[in-house]
Each structure stands twice: as structure tokens, then as C-alpha cells.
């Protein structure tokens, strides 16, 4: 029988103990960082909670001053058929601007991750979900189909 020295036996034992640990630790693929969905939703929720969804009616202009009375015999109306068109141009409030800005910053992956829990017929491939805040602000999120298992 061959006599092994204590240092040789010690090194062999360390090698056997350390070998399984290094073989079991395969290099992991580094996945891209996930967006911070809860933070994004909280920002949008805070910004859009300040938007009034029931707009106040526009202020009515003051009535025109009464016209001077005309003499009895000279009552004559003269119309040219002109119409005054009042166009409603939506103006964006600062709260609406912030809501729209933060809505556009939400990552599509966050929205799709939440919407995957909708019924199966809404999980088919390539869905577009549009969020409309008002006539000046809307944003579309595009999601691929994902069906979660039971």
C-alpha cells in the first residue's frame, strides 16, 4: 500500500468538497431589469386623480346692453344672414398635462402584465389598449398575446 502524506490527503479532500459546488453553479443568463411597475402606476394614479372628469360648463357671456328704443314709425330690421360660430378649442390644464405626460411614460410591459389577467378572448395576439383621458390626450399600449395557465 502506498502511504499518502497528510498534506496530499488534505488537498484531495478539499478538491472533492469544492468540485460539486463549482459544477452545480452554472452561469446564469442575466435577464434585463424589469420596470418598476408599481411606481409607474402610482405616479399616473396621482397625476390623473387631480384631473376633473366633469368639466365645468363654460361661462356664459354677459347679456348685450339694451338697444336704444326706436321711433314707432321706423321699425325696420336689417339682417345679412351672418352667423357667428363659436368654436370650442379644448385647452389643456396643468393637471391634465401632467396626467397625459405620466400616462405616456408607463412602460408597455407593465400594462400588458396587468392586462394578461383579463379573460382569455382578450389575450389573443397583438392587442392595442387605448386610454383616453380627454380629446387632447390619449395613449395606446400594444401588447402581444400571452395566455396564463390554470
C-alpha atoms as a PDB file:
ATOM      1  CA  UNK A   1       0.000   0.000   0.000  1.00  0.00           C
ATOM      2  CA  UNK A   2       1.113   3.422  -0.794  1.00  0.00           C
ATOM      3  CA  UNK A   3       1.405   5.846   2.031  1.00  0.00           C
ATOM      4  CA  UNK A   4      -0.137   9.179   1.334  1.00  0.00           C
ATOM      5  CA  UNK A   5       1.002  12.152   3.237  1.00  0.00           C
ATOM      6  CA  UNK A   6      -1.393  14.208   5.257  1.00  0.00           C
ATOM      7  CA  UNK A   7      -0.972  17.284   3.004  1.00  0.00           C
ATOM      8  CA  UNK A   8      -1.802  15.229  -0.108  1.00  0.00           C
ATOM      9  CA  UNK A   9      -4.881  13.719   1.531  1.00  0.00           C
ATOM     10  CA  UNK A  10      -5.976  17.190   2.727  1.00  0.00           C
ATOM     11  CA  UNK A  11      -5.675  18.693  -0.762  1.00  0.00           C
ATOM     12  CA  UNK A  12      -7.554  15.770  -2.325  1.00  0.00           C
ATOM     13  CA  UNK A  13     -10.395  16.146   0.214  1.00  0.00           C
ATOM     14  CA  UNK A  14     -10.653  19.895  -0.397  1.00  0.00           C
ATOM     15  CA  UNK A  15     -10.750  19.237  -4.139  1.00  0.00           C
ATOM     16  CA  UNK A  16     -13.606  16.720  -3.762  1.00  0.00           C
ATOM     17  CA  UNK A  17     -15.580  19.023  -1.480  1.00  0.00           C
ATOM     18  CA  UNK A  18     -15.136  22.098  -3.693  1.00  0.00           C
ATOM     19  CA  UNK A  19     -15.744  20.336  -7.020  1.00  0.00           C
ATOM     20  CA  UNK A  20     -19.506  19.691  -6.677  1.00  0.00           C
ATOM     21  CA  UNK A  21     -20.168  23.292  -5.658  1.00  0.00           C
ATOM     22  CA  UNK A  22     -18.481  24.766  -8.706  1.00  0.00           C
ATOM     23  CA  UNK A  23     -20.139  22.321 -11.094  1.00  0.00           C
ATOM     24  CA  UNK A  24     -23.593  22.925  -9.679  1.00  0.00           C
ATOM     25  CA  UNK A  25     -23.287  26.682 -10.132  1.00  0.00           C
ATOM     26  CA  UNK A  26     -23.860  27.101 -13.829  1.00  0.00           C
ATOM     27  CA  UNK A  27     -23.579  30.616 -15.165  1.00  0.00           C
ATOM     28  CA  UNK A  28     -26.971  32.274 -15.130  1.00  0.00           C
ATOM     29  CA  UNK A  29     -28.163  34.336 -18.010  1.00  0.00           C
ATOM     30  CA  UNK A  30     -28.685  37.906 -16.902  1.00  0.00           C
ATOM     31  CA  UNK A  31     -32.205  38.991 -17.665  1.00  0.00           C
ATOM     32  CA  UNK A  32     -32.897  42.625 -18.431  1.00  0.00           C
ATOM     33  CA  UNK A  33     -34.150  44.594 -15.446  1.00  0.00           C
ATOM     34  CA  UNK A  34     -37.899  44.703 -15.056  1.00  0.00           C
ATOM     35  CA  UNK A  35     -39.552  48.094 -14.986  1.00  0.00           C
ATOM     36  CA  UNK A  36     -40.803  49.396 -11.667  1.00  0.00           C
ATOM     37  CA  UNK A  37     -44.475  48.941 -12.491  1.00  0.00           C
ATOM     38  CA  UNK A  38     -45.935  49.778  -9.094  1.00  0.00           C
ATOM     39  CA  UNK A  39     -44.088  53.094  -9.035  1.00  0.00           C
ATOM     40  CA  UNK A  40     -45.195  53.963 -12.557  1.00  0.00           C
ATOM     41  CA  UNK A  41     -48.835  53.170 -11.795  1.00  0.00           C
ATOM     42  CA  UNK A  42     -48.655  55.207  -8.578  1.00  0.00           C
ATOM     43  CA  UNK A  43     -47.310  58.251 -10.460  1.00  0.00           C
ATOM     44  CA  UNK A  44     -50.028  58.035 -13.114  1.00  0.00           C
ATOM     45  CA  UNK A  45     -52.705  57.480 -10.491  1.00  0.00           C
ATOM     46  CA  UNK A  46     -51.582  60.517  -8.501  1.00  0.00           C
ATOM     47  CA  UNK A  47     -51.324  62.756 -11.575  1.00  0.00           C
ATOM     48  CA  UNK A  48     -54.649  61.693 -13.080  1.00  0.00           C
ATOM     49  CA  UNK A  49     -56.545  61.813  -9.777  1.00  0.00           C
ATOM     50  CA  UNK A  50     -56.214  65.594  -9.900  1.00  0.00           C
ATOM     51  CA  UNK A  51     -57.930  65.844 -13.302  1.00  0.00           C
ATOM     52  CA  UNK A  52     -61.598  66.775 -13.178  1.00  0.00           C
ATOM     53  CA  UNK A  53     -63.565  64.381 -15.358  1.00  0.00           C
ATOM     54  CA  UNK A  54     -66.695  66.508 -15.046  1.00  0.00           C
ATOM     55  CA  UNK A  55     -65.720  69.775 -16.686  1.00  0.00           C
ATOM     56  CA  UNK A  56     -67.402  72.915 -15.517  1.00  0.00           C
ATOM     57  CA  UNK A  57     -69.776  74.428 -18.057  1.00  0.00           C
ATOM     58  CA  UNK A  58     -68.294  77.378 -19.917  1.00  0.00           C
ATOM     59  CA  UNK A  59     -69.130  80.759 -18.512  1.00  0.00           C
ATOM     60  CA  UNK A  60     -71.929  82.483 -20.373  1.00  0.00           C
ATOM     61  CA  UNK A  61     -71.077  85.908 -21.726  1.00  0.00           C
ATOM     62  CA  UNK A  62     -72.901  88.844 -20.167  1.00  0.00           C
ATOM     63  CA  UNK A  63     -76.081  89.864 -21.995  1.00  0.00           C
ATOM     64  CA  UNK A  64     -75.670  92.695 -24.514  1.00  0.00           C
ATOM     65  CA  UNK A  65     -76.735  96.135 -23.356  1.00  0.00           C
ATOM     66  CA  UNK A  66     -80.283  97.059 -24.313  1.00  0.00           C
ATOM     67  CA  UNK A  67     -80.544  98.894 -27.610  1.00  0.00           C
ATOM     68  CA  UNK A  68     -81.975 102.391 -27.634  1.00  0.00           C
ATOM     69  CA  UNK A  69     -85.684 102.494 -28.361  1.00  0.00           C
ATOM     70  CA  UNK A  70     -86.520 103.181 -31.974  1.00  0.00           C
ATOM     71  CA  UNK A  71     -89.227 105.560 -33.108  1.00  0.00           C
ATOM     72  CA  UNK A  72     -92.578 103.891 -33.734  1.00  0.00           C
ATOM     73  CA  UNK A  73     -92.746 104.525 -37.419  1.00  0.00           C
ATOM     74  CA  UNK A  74     -89.205 103.458 -38.243  1.00  0.00           C
ATOM     75  CA  UNK A  75     -89.237  99.864 -37.053  1.00  0.00           C
ATOM     76  CA  UNK A  76     -87.041  98.081 -39.528  1.00  0.00           C
ATOM     77  CA  UNK A  77     -84.851  95.048 -39.046  1.00  0.00           C
ATOM     78  CA  UNK A  78     -81.920  94.503 -41.286  1.00  0.00           C
ATOM     79  CA  UNK A  79     -80.223  91.096 -41.280  1.00  0.00           C
ATOM     80  CA  UNK A  80     -77.474  89.961 -43.528  1.00  0.00           C
ATOM     81  CA  UNK A  81     -77.590  86.305 -42.611  1.00  0.00           C
ATOM     82  CA  UNK A  82     -74.213  86.315 -40.884  1.00  0.00           C
ATOM     83  CA  UNK A  83     -73.689  83.686 -38.278  1.00  0.00           C
ATOM     84  CA  UNK A  84     -71.181  83.791 -35.548  1.00  0.00           C
ATOM     85  CA  UNK A  85     -69.603  80.445 -34.983  1.00  0.00           C
ATOM     86  CA  UNK A  86     -68.271  79.692 -31.588  1.00  0.00           C
ATOM     87  CA  UNK A  87     -65.636  77.023 -31.742  1.00  0.00           C
ATOM     88  CA  UNK A  88     -64.752  75.150 -28.647  1.00  0.00           C
ATOM     89  CA  UNK A  89     -60.997  74.835 -28.565  1.00  0.00           C
ATOM     90  CA  UNK A  90     -60.060  72.483 -25.763  1.00  0.00           C
ATOM     91  CA  UNK A  91     -57.392  73.943 -23.572  1.00  0.00           C
ATOM     92  CA  UNK A  92     -55.166  71.739 -21.508  1.00  0.00           C
ATOM     93  CA  UNK A  93     -54.913  72.399 -17.791  1.00  0.00           C
ATOM     94  CA  UNK A  94     -51.634  71.761 -15.960  1.00  0.00           C
ATOM     95  CA  UNK A  95     -53.220  68.783 -14.185  1.00  0.00           C
ATOM     96  CA  UNK A  96     -54.321  67.305 -17.487  1.00  0.00           C
ATOM     97  CA  UNK A  97     -50.860  67.892 -18.943  1.00  0.00           C
ATOM     98  CA  UNK A  98     -49.212  66.033 -16.025  1.00  0.00           C
ATOM     99  CA  UNK A  99     -51.687  63.169 -16.296  1.00  0.00           C
ATOM    100  CA  UNK A 100     -51.038  62.788 -20.000  1.00  0.00           C
ATOM    101  CA  UNK A 101     -47.279  63.081 -19.571  1.00  0.00           C
ATOM    102  CA  UNK A 102     -47.078  60.364 -16.913  1.00  0.00           C
ATOM    103  CA  UNK A 103     -49.507  58.142 -18.822  1.00  0.00           C
ATOM    104  CA  UNK A 104     -47.172  58.207 -21.817  1.00  0.00           C
ATOM    105  CA  UNK A 105     -44.227  57.286 -19.572  1.00  0.00           C
ATOM    106  CA  UNK A 106     -45.763  53.999 -18.382  1.00  0.00           C
ATOM    107  CA  UNK A 107     -43.897  51.020 -19.797  1.00  0.00           C
ATOM    108  CA  UNK A 108     -45.908  48.836 -22.173  1.00  0.00           C
ATOM    109  CA  UNK A 109     -44.632  45.749 -20.347  1.00  0.00           C
ATOM    110  CA  UNK A 110     -46.265  46.935 -17.114  1.00  0.00           C
ATOM    111  CA  UNK A 111     -49.627  47.492 -18.777  1.00  0.00           C
ATOM    112  CA  UNK A 112     -49.511  44.158 -20.590  1.00  0.00           C
ATOM    113  CA  UNK A 113     -48.561  42.361 -17.383  1.00  0.00           C
ATOM    114  CA  UNK A 114     -51.658  43.722 -15.654  1.00  0.00           C
ATOM    115  CA  UNK A 115     -53.952  43.131 -18.621  1.00  0.00           C
ATOM    116  CA  UNK A 116     -52.906  39.494 -19.025  1.00  0.00           C
ATOM    117  CA  UNK A 117     -55.365  38.723 -16.221  1.00  0.00           C
ATOM    118  CA  UNK A 118     -58.291  39.741 -18.417  1.00  0.00           C
ATOM    119  CA  UNK A 119     -60.485  36.997 -19.929  1.00  0.00           C
ATOM    120  CA  UNK A 120     -58.843  34.690 -22.474  1.00  0.00           C
ATOM    121  CA  UNK A 121     -60.592  36.188 -25.502  1.00  0.00           C
ATOM    122  CA  UNK A 122     -58.797  39.460 -24.714  1.00  0.00           C
ATOM    123  CA  UNK A 123     -55.411  37.729 -24.560  1.00  0.00           C
ATOM    124  CA  UNK A 124     -55.114  36.912 -28.224  1.00  0.00           C
ATOM    125  CA  UNK A 125     -52.044  38.188 -30.087  1.00  0.00           C
ATOM    126  CA  UNK A 126     -51.396  41.839 -30.764  1.00  0.00           C
ATOM    127  CA  UNK A 127     -53.943  43.759 -28.761  1.00  0.00           C
ATOM    128  CA  UNK A 128     -53.970  47.537 -28.632  1.00  0.00           C
ATOM    129  CA  UNK A 129     -55.362  49.106 -25.471  1.00  0.00           C
ATOM    130  CA  UNK A 130     -56.106  52.823 -25.731  1.00  0.00           C
ATOM    131  CA  UNK A 131     -56.506  55.029 -22.675  1.00  0.00           C
ATOM    132  CA  UNK A 132     -58.415  58.218 -23.475  1.00  0.00           C
ATOM    133  CA  UNK A 133     -58.222  60.956 -20.869  1.00  0.00           C
ATOM    134  CA  UNK A 134     -59.960  63.616 -22.960  1.00  0.00           C
ATOM    135  CA  UNK A 135     -59.989  64.878 -26.547  1.00  0.00           C
ATOM    136  CA  UNK A 136     -56.437  66.221 -26.227  1.00  0.00           C
ATOM    137  CA  UNK A 137     -54.846  63.178 -24.604  1.00  0.00           C
ATOM    138  CA  UNK A 138     -54.957  59.518 -25.493  1.00  0.00           C
ATOM    139  CA  UNK A 139     -52.268  56.849 -25.473  1.00  0.00           C
ATOM    140  CA  UNK A 140     -52.235  53.349 -26.967  1.00  0.00           C
ATOM    141  CA  UNK A 141     -50.442  50.401 -25.391  1.00  0.00           C
ATOM    142  CA  UNK A 142     -49.610  47.495 -27.708  1.00  0.00           C
ATOM    143  CA  UNK A 143     -49.493  44.045 -26.140  1.00  0.00           C
ATOM    144  CA  UNK A 144     -48.653  40.691 -27.642  1.00  0.00           C
ATOM    145  CA  UNK A 145     -50.746  37.673 -26.784  1.00  0.00           C
ATOM    146  CA  UNK A 146     -49.996  35.922 -23.532  1.00  0.00           C
ATOM    147  CA  UNK A 147     -52.189  33.280 -22.041  1.00  0.00           C
ATOM    148  CA  UNK A 148     -51.508  32.285 -18.470  1.00  0.00           C
ATOM    149  CA  UNK A 149     -52.002  28.705 -17.460  1.00  0.00           C
ATOM    150  CA  UNK A 150     -54.577  27.489 -14.960  1.00  0.00           C
END
